[in-house]
Amino acid sequence: MTDTILFDLDGTLLQFNEDEFMTAYFMRLTKVFAGLRLDAETSVKALWAGTKVMMQNDGVKTNSDSFWEVFSEMMGLSGDRLKAIEDSFDKFYETEFDSIKSILKNCDPELPGRMVRTLNSRGFTLVLATNPLFPMCAVTTRLKWVGLVPEDFKLITNYSNSTYCKPNLNYYREIFKKLGKEPDRCIMIGNNTQEDMCASELGTKTFLVTDYIKNEINTDISAFRHGTLAELERYLASLPDPS
């Protein structure tokens, strides 16, 4: 019986076009670099290099440590200056990042919060299984866009508490180990045929949200239970309560 449900965030609970999101994100982030007197071109290169290292992380250190080691080396940052940069990034995610909410395309902005609160009331364990490339403050801000708070979830993956990224199956194993859950008692819900649906390889049930599907290798989606976010809500309502 299913007792645990993992939700992806971007493109799933938050419905938007990823290209629009990245454009808006970098447009605002470059202003932060300028305010910190950092070279914008080098900063963007360092940001992507740090992200790549996180995506390839092997469990030895947190994604956060991996990112900042690369970013600081490329930017020549250390000590108080590096700490100031980190603090400025956090402040950006807590304040200016909020302006990107305008790109949301959720047809029913109340649906994610309603769905999550209903599942909690029924006794399911809920995980926000967002790819852990951001600090917790950035995740918290994005949750607010659809009326959710960190307390709605038993676990939220972020770059400080994770040592792998999707689609590495160890990312999912790390979650199951932390929660003491068996994969076959869980459902992974997401919009990415590679990063989210790969959880099925561990015996985890899956649901592919198709509103803003990401399917770069043209996977046959008939292999997965799939549908819109509204259809997902109806499917989850049909599940028996966990015992």
Protein backbone atom coordinates (compact mmCIF):
# COMPACT_ATOMS: atom_id res chain seq x y z
CA MET A 1 0.00 0.00 0.00
CA THR A 2 1.21 3.49 -0.82
CA ASP A 3 2.02 5.62 2.21
CA THR A 4 4.53 8.17 0.85
CA ILE A 5 4.22 10.64 -2.00
CA LEU A 6 7.13 12.54 -3.54
CA PHE A 7 6.40 15.73 -5.48
CA ASP A 8 8.67 17.48 -7.91
CA LEU A 9 8.33 21.28 -7.77
CA ASP A 10 9.29 23.15 -10.94
CA GLY A 11 7.03 22.24 -13.84
CA THR A 12 4.89 20.05 -11.58
CA LEU A 13 3.39 21.87 -8.59
CA LEU A 14 4.73 25.09 -10.10
CA GLN A 15 3.56 25.15 -13.68
CA PHE A 16 5.64 27.24 -16.04
CA ASN A 17 7.76 27.11 -19.16
CA GLU A 18 11.33 26.30 -18.09
CA ASP A 19 12.92 28.54 -20.71
CA GLU A 20 10.87 31.51 -19.47
CA PHE A 21 11.87 30.71 -15.91
CA MET A 22 15.58 30.55 -16.70
CA THR A 23 15.45 33.81 -18.67
CA ALA A 24 13.70 35.63 -15.84
CA TYR A 25 15.99 34.05 -13.24
CA PHE A 26 19.24 35.02 -14.92
CA MET A 27 17.98 38.50 -15.76
CA ARG A 28 17.51 39.19 -12.06
CA LEU A 29 20.59 37.32 -10.94
CA THR A 30 22.91 39.35 -13.17
CA LYS A 31 21.70 42.45 -11.35
CA VAL A 32 22.85 40.81 -8.11
CA PHE A 33 26.27 40.15 -9.62
CA ALA A 34 26.52 43.79 -10.69
CA GLY A 35 25.56 44.99 -7.20
CA LEU A 36 28.29 42.81 -5.72
CA ARG A 37 30.84 44.17 -8.21
CA LEU A 38 31.29 40.76 -9.80
CA ASP A 39 31.99 40.32 -13.48
CA ALA A 40 28.68 39.16 -14.93
CA GLU A 41 30.10 36.90 -17.65
CA THR A 42 32.52 35.13 -15.31
CA SER A 43 29.82 34.85 -12.64
CA VAL A 44 27.39 33.13 -15.01
CA LYS A 45 30.12 30.71 -16.12
CA ALA A 46 30.95 29.96 -12.48
CA LEU A 47 27.27 29.46 -11.70
CA TRP A 48 26.87 26.92 -14.50
CA ALA A 49 30.11 25.17 -13.54
CA GLY A 50 28.94 24.87 -9.95
CA THR A 51 25.58 23.56 -11.11
CA LYS A 52 27.28 20.93 -13.30
CA VAL A 53 29.34 19.73 -10.35
CA MET A 54 26.18 19.38 -8.24
CA MET A 55 24.50 17.38 -11.00
CA GLN A 56 27.49 15.02 -11.04
CA ASN A 57 27.86 14.80 -7.26
CA ASP A 58 28.79 11.37 -5.93
CA GLY A 59 27.66 11.48 -2.31
CA VAL A 60 30.99 12.50 -0.74
CA LYS A 61 29.89 16.03 0.13
CA THR A 62 26.73 18.09 0.04
CA ASN A 63 25.65 19.77 -3.16
CA SER A 64 26.10 23.11 -1.40
CA ASP A 65 29.74 22.43 -0.59
CA SER A 66 30.34 21.19 -4.13
CA PHE A 67 28.83 24.32 -5.64
CA TRP A 68 30.60 26.88 -3.49
CA GLU A 69 33.99 25.19 -3.88
CA VAL A 70 33.78 25.55 -7.64
CA PHE A 71 32.14 28.98 -7.65
CA SER A 72 34.62 30.48 -5.19
CA GLU A 73 37.62 29.05 -7.04
CA MET A 74 36.50 30.41 -10.39
CA MET A 75 35.65 33.80 -8.91
CA GLY A 76 38.72 34.03 -6.68
CA LEU A 77 36.62 34.39 -3.52
CA SER A 78 37.43 33.38 0.04
CA GLY A 79 36.92 34.34 3.68
CA ASP A 80 34.63 37.25 4.53
CA ARG A 81 34.14 38.17 0.89
CA LEU A 82 32.86 34.69 0.06
CA LYS A 83 30.56 34.72 3.10
CA ALA A 84 29.17 38.08 1.99
CA ILE A 85 28.45 36.67 -1.47
CA GLU A 86 26.65 33.66 0.00
CA ASP A 87 24.56 35.91 2.23
CA SER A 88 23.69 38.12 -0.74
CA PHE A 89 22.53 35.10 -2.73
CA ASP A 90 20.27 34.03 0.15
CA LYS A 91 18.85 37.55 0.42
CA PHE A 92 18.13 37.53 -3.31
CA TYR A 93 16.21 34.25 -3.04
CA GLU A 94 14.23 35.57 -0.08
CA THR A 95 13.27 38.87 -1.72
CA GLU A 96 13.88 39.68 -5.40
CA PHE A 97 13.42 36.07 -6.54
CA ASP A 98 9.77 36.46 -5.61
CA SER A 99 9.18 38.68 -8.64
CA ILE A 100 9.60 35.67 -10.95
CA LYS A 101 6.21 34.42 -9.73
CA SER A 102 4.68 36.31 -12.66
CA ILE A 103 5.71 33.49 -15.04
CA LEU A 104 3.41 30.95 -13.33
CA LYS A 105 0.78 29.43 -15.56
CA ASN A 106 -1.18 27.29 -13.08
CA CYS A 107 -4.76 27.17 -14.37
CA ASP A 108 -5.94 26.61 -10.80
CA PRO A 109 -3.45 28.23 -8.39
CA GLU A 110 -5.34 26.75 -5.43
CA LEU A 111 -4.92 23.16 -6.63
CA PRO A 112 -1.39 22.40 -5.33
CA GLY A 113 -2.12 23.62 -1.82
CA ARG A 114 -5.50 21.92 -1.70
CA MET A 115 -4.05 18.63 -2.92
CA VAL A 116 -1.11 18.65 -0.49
CA ARG A 117 -3.23 19.60 2.53
CA THR A 118 -5.76 16.88 1.73
CA LEU A 119 -3.04 14.23 1.49
CA ASN A 120 -1.56 15.37 4.80
CA SER A 121 -4.95 15.15 6.48
CA ARG A 122 -5.30 11.58 5.21
CA GLY A 123 -2.00 10.53 6.79
CA PHE A 124 0.35 10.31 3.81
CA THR A 125 4.04 11.14 4.26
CA LEU A 126 4.86 13.93 1.80
CA VAL A 127 8.25 14.78 0.32
CA LEU A 128 9.15 17.74 -1.84
CA ALA A 129 11.57 15.97 -4.15
CA THR A 130 12.79 19.02 -6.06
CA ASN A 131 16.18 18.68 -7.72
CA PRO A 132 18.49 19.95 -4.94
CA LEU A 133 20.29 22.73 -6.82
CA PHE A 134 18.99 25.63 -4.70
CA PRO A 135 19.26 26.67 -1.05
CA MET A 136 16.27 26.10 1.21
CA CYS A 137 15.31 29.78 1.13
CA ALA A 138 14.85 29.59 -2.66
CA VAL A 139 12.60 26.54 -2.28
CA THR A 140 10.55 28.26 0.44
CA THR A 141 9.98 31.28 -1.78
CA ARG A 142 8.82 29.13 -4.69
CA LEU A 143 6.47 27.14 -2.44
CA LYS A 144 4.76 30.38 -1.41
CA TRP A 145 3.78 30.96 -5.03
CA VAL A 146 1.20 28.17 -4.76
CA GLY A 147 0.23 28.65 -1.12
CA LEU A 148 2.51 26.02 0.41
CA VAL A 149 4.99 26.16 3.30
CA PRO A 150 7.90 23.88 4.28
CA GLU A 151 5.84 22.44 7.13
CA ASP A 152 3.57 20.80 4.56
CA PHE A 153 6.32 18.25 3.88
CA LYS A 154 8.19 15.71 5.98
CA LEU A 155 11.33 16.28 3.91
CA ILE A 156 12.37 18.89 1.36
CA THR A 157 15.49 18.19 -0.65
CA ASN A 158 17.75 21.21 -1.14
CA TYR A 159 21.42 21.75 -1.87
CA SER A 160 22.42 21.71 1.81
CA ASN A 161 20.88 18.35 2.76
CA SER A 162 21.51 16.35 -0.42
CA THR A 163 24.59 14.73 -1.88
CA TYR A 164 23.15 13.65 -5.23
CA CYS A 165 20.87 15.09 -7.91
CA LYS A 166 18.28 13.68 -10.28
CA PRO A 167 18.42 11.52 -12.34
CA ASN A 168 21.00 9.68 -10.20
CA LEU A 169 19.05 6.90 -8.52
CA ASN A 170 21.09 7.49 -5.37
CA TYR A 171 19.16 10.74 -4.98
CA TYR A 172 16.02 8.67 -4.41
CA ARG A 173 17.82 6.08 -2.31
CA GLU A 174 19.02 8.91 -0.06
CA ILE A 175 15.42 10.05 0.45
CA PHE A 176 14.12 6.57 1.21
CA LYS A 177 16.94 5.96 3.69
CA LYS A 178 16.28 9.22 5.54
CA LEU A 179 12.59 8.41 5.85
CA GLY A 180 12.98 4.70 6.48
CA LYS A 181 10.65 3.99 3.55
CA GLU A 182 10.52 1.16 1.04
CA PRO A 183 10.49 2.37 -2.59
CA ASP A 184 7.48 0.26 -3.53
CA ARG A 185 5.35 2.08 -0.95
CA CYS A 186 6.07 5.42 -2.59
CA ILE A 187 4.86 7.40 -5.61
CA MET A 188 7.12 9.88 -7.43
CA ILE A 189 5.21 12.65 -9.17
CA GLY A 190 6.92 14.90 -11.68
CA ASN A 191 6.92 16.36 -15.18
CA ASN A 192 10.34 15.13 -16.35
CA THR A 193 10.50 11.75 -18.08
CA GLN A 194 14.16 11.28 -17.14
CA GLU A 195 14.69 12.98 -13.79
CA ASP A 196 11.40 11.98 -12.17
CA MET A 197 10.25 8.82 -13.89
CA CYS A 198 13.62 7.10 -13.36
CA ALA A 199 12.46 6.40 -9.80
CA SER A 200 10.44 3.55 -11.29
CA GLU A 201 13.72 1.65 -11.70
CA LEU A 202 13.76 1.24 -7.92
CA GLY A 203 10.24 -0.14 -7.85
CA THR A 204 8.64 3.20 -7.02
CA LYS A 205 5.27 3.98 -8.56
CA THR A 206 5.21 7.11 -10.71
CA PHE A 207 2.85 9.71 -12.16
CA LEU A 208 3.97 11.94 -15.03
CA VAL A 209 2.34 15.38 -14.96
CA THR A 210 1.84 16.44 -18.56
CA ASP A 211 0.82 20.13 -18.38
CA TYR A 212 4.45 21.24 -18.77
CA ILE A 213 6.06 17.91 -19.59
CA LYS A 214 9.81 17.77 -20.18
CA ASN A 215 10.66 14.88 -22.48
CA GLU A 216 13.96 15.67 -24.18
CA ILE A 217 14.59 12.14 -25.45
CA ASN A 218 11.03 11.52 -26.65
CA THR A 219 10.29 8.74 -24.18
CA ASP A 220 7.07 6.83 -24.82
CA ILE A 221 4.98 8.19 -21.95
CA SER A 222 2.48 5.34 -22.23
CA ALA A 223 4.94 3.45 -20.03
CA PHE A 224 3.90 5.69 -17.12
CA ARG A 225 0.64 6.62 -15.50
CA HIS A 226 0.21 10.19 -16.68
CA GLY A 227 -2.14 13.13 -16.90
CA THR A 228 -2.66 16.78 -16.05
CA LEU A 229 -2.29 18.18 -12.55
CA ALA A 230 -6.07 18.16 -12.23
CA GLU A 231 -6.14 14.51 -13.26
CA LEU A 232 -3.40 13.81 -10.72
CA GLU A 233 -5.57 15.27 -7.97
CA ARG A 234 -8.38 12.90 -8.91
CA TYR A 235 -6.00 9.92 -9.05
CA LEU A 236 -4.57 10.67 -5.60
CA ALA A 237 -8.11 11.01 -4.22
CA SER A 238 -8.77 7.44 -5.39
CA LEU A 239 -5.91 5.97 -3.37
CA PRO A 240 -6.79 4.20 -0.09
CA ASP A 241 -5.66 5.97 3.05
CA PRO A 242 -2.35 4.61 4.41
CA SER A 243 -2.79 2.10 7.19
